[in-house]
PDB file of N, CA and C in Angstrom:
ATOM      1  N   GLY A   1      30.521  14.897 -30.398  1.00  0.00           N
ATOM      2  CA  GLY A   1      31.597  14.196 -29.749  1.00  0.00           C
ATOM      3  C   GLY A   1      31.206  12.915 -29.081  1.00  0.00           C
ATOM      4  N   SER A   2      32.178  12.298 -28.546  1.00  0.00           N
ATOM      5  CA  SER A   2      31.974  10.943 -27.929  1.00  0.00           C
ATOM      6  C   SER A   2      31.730  11.421 -26.537  1.00  0.00           C
ATOM      7  N   ALA A   3      31.111  10.384 -25.769  1.00  0.00           N
ATOM      8  CA  ALA A   3      30.975  10.495 -24.362  1.00  0.00           C
ATOM      9  C   ALA A   3      32.421  10.612 -23.630  1.00  0.00           C
ATOM     10  N   ALA A   4      33.428   9.839 -24.113  1.00  0.00           N
ATOM     11  CA  ALA A   4      34.829   9.988 -23.526  1.00  0.00           C
ATOM     12  C   ALA A   4      35.331  11.346 -23.754  1.00  0.00           C
ATOM     13  N   GLY A   5      35.120  11.893 -24.827  1.00  0.00           N
ATOM     14  CA  GLY A   5      35.529  13.298 -25.183  1.00  0.00           C
ATOM     15  C   GLY A   5      34.798  14.289 -24.288  1.00  0.00           C
ATOM     16  N   HIS A   6      33.651  14.212 -24.072  1.00  0.00           N
ATOM     17  CA  HIS A   6      32.767  15.089 -23.157  1.00  0.00           C
ATOM     18  C   HIS A   6      33.298  14.875 -21.563  1.00  0.00           C
ATOM     19  N   ALA A   7      33.474  13.682 -21.149  1.00  0.00           N
ATOM     20  CA  ALA A   7      33.907  13.589 -19.800  1.00  0.00           C
ATOM     21  C   ALA A   7      35.419  14.058 -19.797  1.00  0.00           C
ATOM     22  N   GLY A   8      36.139  13.989 -20.624  1.00  0.00           N
ATOM     23  CA  GLY A   8      37.546  14.570 -20.648  1.00  0.00           C
ATOM     24  C   GLY A   8      37.572  16.049 -20.514  1.00  0.00           C
ATOM     25  N   ARG A   9      36.530  16.775 -21.220  1.00  0.00           N
ATOM     26  CA  ARG A   9      36.444  18.166 -21.259  1.00  0.00           C
ATOM     27  C   ARG A   9      35.965  18.494 -19.815  1.00  0.00           C
ATOM     28  N   ILE A  10      34.900  17.813 -19.331  1.00  0.00           N
ATOM     29  CA  ILE A  10      34.529  18.159 -17.852  1.00  0.00           C
ATOM     30  C   ILE A  10      35.785  18.065 -16.892  1.00  0.00           C
ATOM     31  N   LEU A  11      36.432  17.027 -17.151  1.00  0.00           N
ATOM     32  CA  LEU A  11      37.497  16.820 -16.123  1.00  0.00           C
ATOM     33  C   LEU A  11      38.635  17.810 -16.206  1.00  0.00           C
ATOM     34  N   ALA A  12      38.941  18.358 -17.396  1.00  0.00           N
ATOM     35  CA  ALA A  12      39.897  19.368 -17.873  1.00  0.00           C
ATOM     36  C   ALA A  12      39.661  20.597 -17.238  1.00  0.00           C
ATOM     37  N   LEU A  13      38.236  20.993 -16.833  1.00  0.00           N
ATOM     38  CA  LEU A  13      37.895  22.220 -16.344  1.00  0.00           C
ATOM     39  C   LEU A  13      38.597  22.558 -14.998  1.00  0.00           C
ATOM     40  N   SER A  14      39.231  23.768 -14.984  1.00  0.00           N
ATOM     41  CA  SER A  14      39.804  24.238 -13.731  1.00  0.00           C
ATOM     42  C   SER A  14      38.912  24.693 -12.728  1.00  0.00           C
ATOM     43  N   ARG A  15      39.411  24.669 -11.444  1.00  0.00           N
ATOM     44  CA  ARG A  15      38.539  25.396 -10.491  1.00  0.00           C
ATOM     45  C   ARG A  15      38.170  26.841 -10.734  1.00  0.00           C
ATOM     46  N   GLY A  16      39.108  27.528 -11.341  1.00  0.00           N
ATOM     47  CA  GLY A  16      39.046  28.857 -11.851  1.00  0.00           C
ATOM     48  C   GLY A  16      37.703  28.938 -12.829  1.00  0.00           C
ATOM     49  N   ASP A  17      37.819  28.164 -13.836  1.00  0.00           N
ATOM     50  CA  ASP A  17      36.749  28.055 -14.829  1.00  0.00           C
ATOM     51  C   ASP A  17      35.342  28.035 -14.072  1.00  0.00           C
ATOM     52  N   LEU A  18      35.393  26.883 -13.160  1.00  0.00           N
ATOM     53  CA  LEU A  18      34.030  26.659 -12.565  1.00  0.00           C
ATOM     54  C   LEU A  18      33.599  27.817 -11.604  1.00  0.00           C
ATOM     55  N   GLU A  19      34.520  28.500 -10.892  1.00  0.00           N
ATOM     56  CA  GLU A  19      34.218  29.560 -10.157  1.00  0.00           C
ATOM     57  C   GLU A  19      33.816  30.783 -10.876  1.00  0.00           C
ATOM     58  N   ARG A  20      34.450  31.025 -11.978  1.00  0.00           N
ATOM     59  CA  ARG A  20      33.883  32.069 -12.766  1.00  0.00           C
ATOM     60  C   ARG A  20      32.427  31.845 -13.377  1.00  0.00           C
ATOM     61  N   MET A  21      32.195  30.567 -13.924  1.00  0.00           N
ATOM     62  CA  MET A  21      30.969  30.302 -14.298  1.00  0.00           C
ATOM     63  C   MET A  21      29.932  30.447 -13.147  1.00  0.00           C
ATOM     64  N   GLY A  22      30.206  29.759 -11.983  1.00  0.00           N
ATOM     65  CA  GLY A  22      29.212  29.967 -10.921  1.00  0.00           C
ATOM     66  C   GLY A  22      28.967  31.411 -10.378  1.00  0.00           C
ATOM     67  N   ARG A  23      29.991  32.152 -10.541  1.00  0.00           N
ATOM     68  CA  ARG A  23      29.846  33.633 -10.035  1.00  0.00           C
ATOM     69  C   ARG A  23      28.918  34.264 -11.121  1.00  0.00           C
ATOM     70  N   ARG A  24      29.136  34.121 -12.351  1.00  0.00           N
ATOM     71  CA  ARG A  24      28.177  34.670 -13.552  1.00  0.00           C
ATOM     72  C   ARG A  24      26.770  34.271 -13.110  1.00  0.00           C
ATOM     73  N   ILE A  25      26.444  33.004 -12.918  1.00  0.00           N
ATOM     74  CA  ILE A  25      25.150  32.584 -12.678  1.00  0.00           C
ATOM     75  C   ILE A  25      24.623  33.296 -11.193  1.00  0.00           C
ATOM     76  N   LEU A  26      25.449  33.232 -10.240  1.00  0.00           N
ATOM     77  CA  LEU A  26      24.894  33.849  -9.074  1.00  0.00           C
ATOM     78  C   LEU A  26      24.540  35.407  -9.182  1.00  0.00           C
ATOM     79  N   ARG A  27      25.323  36.054 -10.008  1.00  0.00           N
ATOM     80  CA  ARG A  27      24.891  37.490 -10.149  1.00  0.00           C
ATOM     81  C   ARG A  27      23.412  37.675 -10.781  1.00  0.00           C
ATOM     82  N   ARG A  28      23.014  36.535 -11.569  1.00  0.00           N
ATOM     83  CA  ARG A  28      21.743  36.693 -12.152  1.00  0.00           C
ATOM     84  C   ARG A  28      20.493  36.360 -11.187  1.00  0.00           C
ATOM     85  N   VAL A  29      20.804  35.722 -10.019  1.00  0.00           N
ATOM     86  CA  VAL A  29      19.738  35.213  -9.169  1.00  0.00           C
ATOM     87  C   VAL A  29      19.480  36.244  -8.115  1.00  0.00           C
ATOM     88  N   PRO A  30      18.415  36.217  -7.342  1.00  0.00           N
ATOM     89  CA  PRO A  30      18.219  37.207  -6.217  1.00  0.00           C
ATOM     90  C   PRO A  30      19.186  36.699  -5.135  1.00  0.00           C
ATOM     91  N   ALA A  31      19.703  37.805  -4.392  1.00  0.00           N
ATOM     92  CA  ALA A  31      20.674  37.462  -3.269  1.00  0.00           C
ATOM     93  C   ALA A  31      20.044  36.560  -2.375  1.00  0.00           C
ATOM     94  N   GLY A  32      20.806  35.674  -1.917  1.00  0.00           N
ATOM     95  CA  GLY A  32      20.358  34.668  -0.855  1.00  0.00           C
ATOM     96  C   GLY A  32      19.814  33.430  -1.380  1.00  0.00           C
ATOM     97  N   THR A  33      19.551  33.389  -2.676  1.00  0.00           N
ATOM     98  CA  THR A  33      18.825  32.216  -3.410  1.00  0.00           C
ATOM     99  C   THR A  33      19.775  31.042  -3.600  1.00  0.00           C
ATOM    100  N   ALA A  34      21.050  31.326  -3.682  1.00  0.00           N
ATOM    101  CA  ALA A  34      22.004  30.143  -3.960  1.00  0.00           C
ATOM    102  C   ALA A  34      23.257  30.670  -3.719  1.00  0.00           C
ATOM    103  N   ARG A  35      24.305  29.545  -3.501  1.00  0.00           N
ATOM    104  CA  ARG A  35      25.627  29.909  -3.185  1.00  0.00           C
ATOM    105  C   ARG A  35      26.499  28.987  -4.006  1.00  0.00           C
ATOM    106  N   LEU A  36      27.764  29.358  -3.984  1.00  0.00           N
ATOM    107  CA  LEU A  36      28.849  28.485  -4.483  1.00  0.00           C
ATOM    108  C   LEU A  36      29.472  27.519  -3.473  1.00  0.00           C
ATOM    109  N   VAL A  37      29.444  26.258  -3.550  1.00  0.00           N
ATOM    110  CA  VAL A  37      29.973  25.373  -2.449  1.00  0.00           C
ATOM    111  C   VAL A  37      30.904  24.447  -3.078  1.00  0.00           C
ATOM    112  N   ALA A  38      31.967  23.983  -2.196  1.00  0.00           N
ATOM    113  CA  ALA A  38      32.707  22.987  -2.656  1.00  0.00           C
ATOM    114  C   ALA A  38      31.989  21.683  -2.798  1.00  0.00           C
ATOM    115  N   SER A  39      32.270  20.723  -3.648  1.00  0.00           N
ATOM    116  CA  SER A  39      31.684  19.503  -3.889  1.00  0.00           C
ATOM    117  C   SER A  39      32.551  18.489  -4.385  1.00  0.00           C
ATOM    118  N   GLU A  40      32.021  17.364  -4.569  1.00  0.00           N
ATOM    119  CA  GLU A  40      32.712  16.281  -5.336  1.00  0.00           C
ATOM    120  C   GLU A  40      32.096  15.900  -6.520  1.00  0.00           C
ATOM    121  N   LEU A  41      32.736  15.632  -7.643  1.00  0.00           N
ATOM    122  CA  LEU A  41      32.331  15.214  -8.908  1.00  0.00           C
ATOM    123  C   LEU A  41      32.567  13.839  -9.130  1.00  0.00           C
ATOM    124  N   SER A  42      31.514  12.964  -9.196  1.00  0.00           N
ATOM    125  CA  SER A  42      31.737  11.524  -9.336  1.00  0.00           C
ATOM    126  C   SER A  42      32.366  11.289 -10.710  1.00  0.00           C
ATOM    127  N   THR A  43      33.463  10.612 -10.725  1.00  0.00           N
ATOM    128  CA  THR A  43      34.057  10.194 -12.061  1.00  0.00           C
ATOM    129  C   THR A  43      34.008   8.643 -12.112  1.00  0.00           C
ATOM    130  N   GLY A  44      33.540   8.154 -11.280  1.00  0.00           N
ATOM    131  CA  GLY A  44      33.603   6.490 -11.188  1.00  0.00           C
ATOM    132  C   GLY A  44      32.586   5.940 -12.024  1.00  0.00           C
ATOM    133  N   GLY A  45      32.610   4.772 -12.152  1.00  0.00           N
ATOM    134  CA  GLY A  45      31.787   3.978 -12.910  1.00  0.00           C
ATOM    135  C   GLY A  45      32.359   2.645 -13.124  1.00  0.00           C
ATOM    136  N   GLY A  46      31.530   1.652 -13.577  1.00  0.00           N
ATOM    137  CA  GLY A  46      32.209   0.378 -13.906  1.00  0.00           C
ATOM    138  C   GLY A  46      33.042  -0.220 -12.517  1.00  0.00           C
ATOM    139  N   SER A  47      34.230  -0.434 -12.835  1.00  0.00           N
ATOM    140  CA  SER A  47      35.012  -0.954 -11.754  1.00  0.00           C
ATOM    141  C   SER A  47      35.523   0.058 -10.645  1.00  0.00           C
ATOM    142  N   ALA A  48      35.125   1.325 -10.765  1.00  0.00           N
ATOM    143  CA  ALA A  48      35.675   2.275  -9.713  1.00  0.00           C
ATOM    144  C   ALA A  48      34.284   3.290  -9.474  1.00  0.00           C
ATOM    145  N   PRO A  49      33.276   2.815  -9.074  1.00  0.00           N
ATOM    146  CA  PRO A  49      32.086   3.470  -8.922  1.00  0.00           C
ATOM    147  C   PRO A  49      32.089   4.738  -7.748  1.00  0.00           C
ATOM    148  N   ASP A  50      33.245   4.568  -6.888  1.00  0.00           N
ATOM    149  CA  ASP A  50      33.237   5.687  -5.802  1.00  0.00           C
ATOM    150  C   ASP A  50      34.422   6.736  -6.131  1.00  0.00           C
ATOM    151  N   GLU A  51      34.827   6.641  -7.284  1.00  0.00           N
ATOM    152  CA  GLU A  51      35.771   7.627  -7.480  1.00  0.00           C
ATOM    153  C   GLU A  51      35.309   8.966  -7.677  1.00  0.00           C
ATOM    154  N   SER A  52      36.010  10.072  -7.186  1.00  0.00           N
ATOM    155  CA  SER A  52      35.520  11.481  -7.335  1.00  0.00           C
ATOM    156  C   SER A  52      36.606  12.439  -7.368  1.00  0.00           C
ATOM    157  N   VAL A  53      36.437  13.607  -7.852  1.00  0.00           N
ATOM    158  CA  VAL A  53      37.427  14.689  -7.724  1.00  0.00           C
ATOM    159  C   VAL A  53      36.773  15.821  -7.049  1.00  0.00           C
ATOM    160  N   PRO A  54      37.718  16.783  -6.461  1.00  0.00           N
ATOM    161  CA  PRO A  54      37.064  17.973  -5.934  1.00  0.00           C
ATOM    162  C   PRO A  54      36.466  18.891  -6.932  1.00  0.00           C
ATOM    163  N   SER A  55      35.367  19.544  -6.739  1.00  0.00           N
ATOM    164  CA  SER A  55      34.728  20.367  -7.696  1.00  0.00           C
ATOM    165  C   SER A  55      34.045  21.482  -7.099  1.00  0.00           C
ATOM    166  N   LEU A  56      33.012  22.304  -7.823  1.00  0.00           N
ATOM    167  CA  LEU A  56      32.183  23.275  -7.268  1.00  0.00           C
ATOM    168  C   LEU A  56      30.845  22.967  -7.738  1.00  0.00           C
ATOM    169  N   ALA A  57      29.883  23.473  -6.819  1.00  0.00           N
ATOM    170  CA  ALA A  57      28.510  23.290  -7.393  1.00  0.00           C
ATOM    171  C   ALA A  57      27.691  24.538  -6.723  1.00  0.00           C
ATOM    172  N   ILE A  58      26.505  24.798  -7.290  1.00  0.00           N
ATOM    173  CA  ILE A  58      25.763  25.838  -6.897  1.00  0.00           C
ATOM    174  C   ILE A  58      24.622  25.156  -5.979  1.00  0.00           C
ATOM    175  N   GLU A  59      24.643  25.674  -4.924  1.00  0.00           N
ATOM    176  CA  GLU A  59      23.519  25.188  -3.832  1.00  0.00           C
ATOM    177  C   GLU A  59      22.470  26.033  -3.749  1.00  0.00           C
ATOM    178  N   ILE A  60      21.175  25.532  -4.090  1.00  0.00           N
ATOM    179  CA  ILE A  60      20.110  26.344  -3.933  1.00  0.00           C
ATOM    180  C   ILE A  60      19.574  26.461  -2.447  1.00  0.00           C
ATOM    181  N   VAL A  61      19.367  27.708  -2.057  1.00  0.00           N
ATOM    182  CA  VAL A  61      18.970  28.082  -0.717  1.00  0.00           C
ATOM    183  C   VAL A  61      17.354  28.266  -0.546  1.00  0.00           C
ATOM    184  N   THR A  62      16.729  27.320  -0.036  1.00  0.00           N
ATOM    185  CA  THR A  62      15.272  27.376   0.163  1.00  0.00           C
ATOM    186  C   THR A  62      14.779  26.605   1.151  1.00  0.00           C
ATOM    187  N   ASP A  63      13.724  27.008   1.732  1.00  0.00           N
ATOM    188  CA  ASP A  63      13.039  26.176   2.878  1.00  0.00           C
ATOM    189  C   ASP A  63      12.246  25.028   2.188  1.00  0.00           C
ATOM    190  N   ARG A  64      12.079  25.092   1.025  1.00  0.00           N
ATOM    191  CA  ARG A  64      11.194  23.939   0.139  1.00  0.00           C
ATOM    192  C   ARG A  64      11.982  22.720   0.433  1.00  0.00           C
ATOM    193  N   ASP A  65      11.176  21.517   0.457  1.00  0.00           N
ATOM    194  CA  ASP A  65      11.618  20.151   0.404  1.00  0.00           C
ATOM    195  C   ASP A  65      12.594  19.999  -0.824  1.00  0.00           C
ATOM    196  N   PRO A  66      13.850  19.467  -0.590  1.00  0.00           N
ATOM    197  CA  PRO A  66      14.782  19.411  -1.737  1.00  0.00           C
ATOM    198  C   PRO A  66      14.169  18.461  -2.745  1.00  0.00           C
ATOM    199  N   ARG A  67      13.451  17.484  -2.470  1.00  0.00           N
ATOM    200  CA  ARG A  67      13.024  16.484  -3.558  1.00  0.00           C
ATOM    201  C   ARG A  67      11.983  17.224  -4.293  1.00  0.00           C
ATOM    202  N   ALA A  68      11.131  18.183  -3.766  1.00  0.00           N
ATOM    203  CA  ALA A  68      10.229  18.931  -4.539  1.00  0.00           C
ATOM    204  C   ALA A  68      10.980  19.853  -5.446  1.00  0.00           C
ATOM    205  N   VAL A  69      12.037  20.499  -5.008  1.00  0.00           N
ATOM    206  CA  VAL A  69      12.896  21.438  -5.936  1.00  0.00           C
ATOM    207  C   VAL A  69      13.429  20.622  -7.050  1.00  0.00           C
ATOM    208  N   LEU A  70      13.983  19.477  -6.818  1.00  0.00           N
ATOM    209  CA  LEU A  70      14.578  18.545  -7.776  1.00  0.00           C
ATOM    210  C   LEU A  70      13.436  18.458  -8.883  1.00  0.00           C
ATOM    211  N   GLU A  71      12.298  17.855  -8.419  1.00  0.00           N
ATOM    212  CA  GLU A  71      11.104  17.538  -9.217  1.00  0.00           C
ATOM    213  C   GLU A  71      10.734  18.744 -10.261  1.00  0.00           C
ATOM    214  N   ASP A  72      10.784  19.826  -9.569  1.00  0.00           N
ATOM    215  CA  ASP A  72      10.439  21.163 -10.350  1.00  0.00           C
ATOM    216  C   ASP A  72      11.517  21.460 -11.469  1.00  0.00           C
ATOM    217  N   LEU A  73      12.938  21.376 -10.964  1.00  0.00           N
ATOM    218  CA  LEU A  73      13.891  21.466 -11.862  1.00  0.00           C
ATOM    219  C   LEU A  73      13.833  20.479 -13.040  1.00  0.00           C
ATOM    220  N   ARG A  74      13.488  19.312 -12.840  1.00  0.00           N
ATOM    221  CA  ARG A  74      13.379  18.193 -13.879  1.00  0.00           C
ATOM    222  C   ARG A  74      12.307  18.611 -14.896  1.00  0.00           C
ATOM    223  N   GLY A  75      11.126  19.190 -14.245  1.00  0.00           N
ATOM    224  CA  GLY A  75       9.833  19.445 -14.944  1.00  0.00           C
ATOM    225  C   GLY A  75       9.937  20.742 -15.890  1.00  0.00           C
ATOM    226  N   LEU A  76      10.982  21.435 -15.793  1.00  0.00           N
ATOM    227  CA  LEU A  76      11.151  22.661 -16.656  1.00  0.00           C
ATOM    228  C   LEU A  76      11.105  22.323 -18.049  1.00  0.00           C
ATOM    229  N   ALA A  77      10.843  23.175 -18.866  1.00  0.00           N
ATOM    230  CA  ALA A  77      11.009  23.064 -20.454  1.00  0.00           C
ATOM    231  C   ALA A  77      12.269  22.645 -20.848  1.00  0.00           C
ATOM    232  N   VAL A  78      13.388  23.134 -20.253  1.00  0.00           N
ATOM    233  CA  VAL A  78      14.706  22.564 -20.428  1.00  0.00           C
ATOM    234  C   VAL A  78      15.066  21.953 -19.094  1.00  0.00           C
ATOM    235  N   PRO A  79      14.905  20.649 -18.757  1.00  0.00           N
ATOM    236  CA  PRO A  79      15.218  20.037 -17.528  1.00  0.00           C
ATOM    237  C   PRO A  79      16.589  20.357 -17.009  1.00  0.00           C
ATOM    238  N   VAL A  80      16.706  20.530 -15.733  1.00  0.00           N
ATOM    239  CA  VAL A  80      17.978  20.822 -14.935  1.00  0.00           C
ATOM    240  C   VAL A  80      18.068  19.648 -13.898  1.00  0.00           C
ATOM    241  N   ILE A  81      19.190  18.905 -13.982  1.00  0.00           N
ATOM    242  CA  ILE A  81      19.395  17.755 -13.106  1.00  0.00           C
ATOM    243  C   ILE A  81      20.329  18.129 -12.125  1.00  0.00           C
ATOM    244  N   GLY A  82      19.925  17.995 -10.763  1.00  0.00           N
ATOM    245  CA  GLY A  82      20.713  18.173  -9.585  1.00  0.00           C
ATOM    246  C   GLY A  82      20.794  17.052  -8.777  1.00  0.00           C
ATOM    247  N   THR A  83      21.399  17.180  -7.516  1.00  0.00           N
ATOM    248  CA  THR A  83      21.551  16.189  -6.562  1.00  0.00           C
ATOM    249  C   THR A  83      21.142  16.825  -5.147  1.00  0.00           C
ATOM    250  N   ILE A  84      20.972  16.042  -4.148  1.00  0.00           N
ATOM    251  CA  ILE A  84      20.779  16.388  -2.912  1.00  0.00           C
ATOM    252  C   ILE A  84      21.932  16.184  -1.949  1.00  0.00           C
ATOM    253  N   ALA A  85      22.497  17.151  -1.238  1.00  0.00           N
ATOM    254  CA  ALA A  85      23.675  16.986  -0.352  1.00  0.00           C
ATOM    255  C   ALA A  85      23.312  17.867   0.851  1.00  0.00           C
ATOM    256  N   ASN A  86      23.327  17.229   1.983  1.00  0.00           N
ATOM    257  CA  ASN A  86      23.301  17.972   3.428  1.00  0.00           C
ATOM    258  C   ASN A  86      22.001  18.807   3.276  1.00  0.00           C
ATOM    259  N   GLY A  87      20.839  18.098   2.612  1.00  0.00           N
ATOM    260  CA  GLY A  87      19.387  18.592   2.650  1.00  0.00           C
ATOM    261  C   GLY A  87      19.185  19.711   1.763  1.00  0.00           C
ATOM    262  N   ARG A  88      20.209  19.982   0.836  1.00  0.00           N
ATOM    263  CA  ARG A  88      19.965  21.024  -0.218  1.00  0.00           C
ATOM    264  C   ARG A  88      20.273  20.446  -1.585  1.00  0.00           C
ATOM    265  N   VAL A  89      19.589  21.071  -2.481  1.00  0.00           N
ATOM    266  CA  VAL A  89      19.808  20.805  -3.888  1.00  0.00           C
ATOM    267  C   VAL A  89      21.076  21.385  -4.414  1.00  0.00           C
ATOM    268  N   ARG A  90      21.880  20.641  -5.067  1.00  0.00           N
ATOM    269  CA  ARG A  90      23.163  21.081  -5.745  1.00  0.00           C
ATOM    270  C   ARG A  90      23.201  20.911  -7.157  1.00  0.00           C
ATOM    271  N   LEU A  91      23.678  21.874  -7.872  1.00  0.00           N
ATOM    272  CA  LEU A  91      23.868  21.693  -9.222  1.00  0.00           C
ATOM    273  C   LEU A  91      25.374  21.747  -9.628  1.00  0.00           C
ATOM    274  N   ALA A  92      25.869  20.571 -10.067  1.00  0.00           N
ATOM    275  CA  ALA A  92      27.404  20.410 -10.337  1.00  0.00           C
ATOM    276  C   ALA A  92      27.661  21.296 -11.550  1.00  0.00           C
ATOM    277  N   LEU A  93      28.599  22.188 -11.288  1.00  0.00           N
ATOM    278  CA  LEU A  93      28.978  23.231 -12.402  1.00  0.00           C
ATOM    279  C   LEU A  93      29.576  22.594 -13.502  1.00  0.00           C
ATOM    280  N   ALA A  94      30.445  21.536 -13.261  1.00  0.00           N
ATOM    281  CA  ALA A  94      31.246  20.775 -14.252  1.00  0.00           C
ATOM    282  C   ALA A  94      30.339  20.198 -15.250  1.00  0.00           C
ATOM    283  N   THR A  95      29.151  19.661 -14.787  1.00  0.00           N
ATOM    284  CA  THR A  95      28.318  19.015 -15.717  1.00  0.00           C
ATOM    285  C   THR A  95      27.576  19.995 -16.388  1.00  0.00           C
ATOM    286  N   LEU A  96      27.236  21.277 -15.757  1.00  0.00           N
ATOM    287  CA  LEU A  96      26.486  22.295 -16.606  1.00  0.00           C
ATOM    288  C   LEU A  96      27.311  23.228 -17.451  1.00  0.00           C
ATOM    289  N   HIS A  97      28.631  22.961 -17.430  1.00  0.00           N
ATOM    290  CA  HIS A  97      29.455  23.793 -18.251  1.00  0.00           C
ATOM    291  C   HIS A  97      29.272  23.696 -19.663  1.00  0.00           C
ATOM    292  N   GLY A  98      28.947  25.022 -20.216  1.00  0.00           N
ATOM    293  CA  GLY A  98      28.605  25.060 -21.730  1.00  0.00           C
ATOM    294  C   GLY A  98      27.074  25.380 -21.900  1.00  0.00           C
ATOM    295  N   GLU A  99      26.266  25.180 -20.781  1.00  0.00           N
ATOM    296  CA  GLU A  99      24.842  25.276 -20.892  1.00  0.00           C
ATOM    297  C   GLU A  99      24.513  26.695 -20.811  1.00  0.00           C
ATOM    298  N   ASP A 100      23.269  27.113 -21.109  1.00  0.00           N
ATOM    299  CA  ASP A 100      22.715  28.412 -20.990  1.00  0.00           C
ATOM    300  C   ASP A 100      22.758  29.114 -19.534  1.00  0.00           C
ATOM    301  N   GLU A 101      23.703  29.905 -19.350  1.00  0.00           N
ATOM    302  CA  GLU A 101      23.784  30.418 -17.981  1.00  0.00           C
ATOM    303  C   GLU A 101      22.493  31.210 -17.456  1.00  0.00           C
ATOM    304  N   ARG A 102      22.089  32.002 -18.485  1.00  0.00           N
ATOM    305  CA  ARG A 102      20.911  32.789 -18.116  1.00  0.00           C
ATOM    306  C   ARG A 102      19.640  31.864 -17.780  1.00  0.00           C
ATOM    307  N   GLY A 103      19.452  30.721 -18.565  1.00  0.00           N
ATOM    308  CA  GLY A 103      18.330  29.926 -18.453  1.00  0.00           C
ATOM    309  C   GLY A 103      18.619  29.091 -17.026  1.00  0.00           C
ATOM    310  N   LEU A 104      19.784  28.937 -16.609  1.00  0.00           N
ATOM    311  CA  LEU A 104      20.026  28.152 -15.324  1.00  0.00           C
ATOM    312  C   LEU A 104      19.706  29.119 -14.332  1.00  0.00           C
ATOM    313  N   ALA A 105      20.200  30.394 -14.419  1.00  0.00           N
ATOM    314  CA  ALA A 105      19.741  31.409 -13.374  1.00  0.00           C
ATOM    315  C   ALA A 105      18.267  31.475 -13.277  1.00  0.00           C
ATOM    316  N   ALA A 106      17.550  31.454 -14.218  1.00  0.00           N
ATOM    317  CA  ALA A 106      16.184  31.567 -14.308  1.00  0.00           C
ATOM    318  C   ALA A 106      15.509  30.415 -13.521  1.00  0.00           C
ATOM    319  N   ALA A 107      16.107  29.323 -13.920  1.00  0.00           N
ATOM    320  CA  ALA A 107      15.519  28.022 -13.204  1.00  0.00           C
ATOM    321  C   ALA A 107      15.695  28.083 -11.725  1.00  0.00           C
ATOM    322  N   ILE A 108      17.016  28.400 -11.302  1.00  0.00           N
ATOM    323  CA  ILE A 108      17.248  28.451  -9.850  1.00  0.00           C
ATOM    324  C   ILE A 108      16.356  29.625  -9.104  1.00  0.00           C
ATOM    325  N   ALA A 109      16.208  30.768  -9.772  1.00  0.00           N
ATOM    326  CA  ALA A 109      15.232  31.805  -9.115  1.00  0.00           C
ATOM    327  C   ALA A 109      13.823  31.255  -8.968  1.00  0.00           C
ATOM    328  N   ALA A 110      13.318  30.577 -10.241  1.00  0.00           N
ATOM    329  CA  ALA A 110      12.011  30.038 -10.169  1.00  0.00           C
ATOM    330  C   ALA A 110      11.648  28.958  -9.129  1.00  0.00           C
ATOM    331  N   VAL A 111      12.607  28.155  -9.091  1.00  0.00           N
ATOM    332  CA  VAL A 111      12.366  26.987  -7.994  1.00  0.00           C
ATOM    333  C   VAL A 111      12.606  27.433  -6.532  1.00  0.00           C
ATOM    334  N   SER A 112      13.475  28.447  -6.206  1.00  0.00           N
ATOM    335  CA  SER A 112      13.669  28.784  -4.946  1.00  0.00           C
ATOM    336  C   SER A 112      12.414  29.595  -4.376  1.00  0.00           C
ATOM    337  N   ARG A 113      11.690  30.224  -5.216  1.00  0.00           N
ATOM    338  CA  ARG A 113      10.624  31.090  -4.540  1.00  0.00           C
ATOM    339  C   ARG A 113       9.265  30.294  -4.757  1.00  0.00           C
ATOM    340  N   GLN A 114       9.029  29.210  -5.154  1.00  0.00           N
ATOM    341  CA  GLN A 114       7.690  28.506  -5.246  1.00  0.00           C
ATOM    342  C   GLN A 114       7.401  28.084  -3.756  1.00  0.00           C
TER     343      GLN A 114
END
């Protein structure tokens, strides 16, 4: 599919779709390792770089430096890309929709305990 088609599918996801996905992932990680949080999904680019829509993310809860957590996520066999907000690593659920939820849960568990 085209990039425009992929973006359209991401933007068409409902909050309920994202919440269900997030809860499935959270059930697979140790309690207290991550939580579902409200977030903003950047939709901008080109002439509207600051455009965003409300979304949901998984926030990894750890005392580790968030930059180290991001580096570890990117270094996995299947890299996971996140962002840092409020000093914590966040994984945007909309951008992860359709990915291997078991693999994502394993990645979250692995980086939170290092």
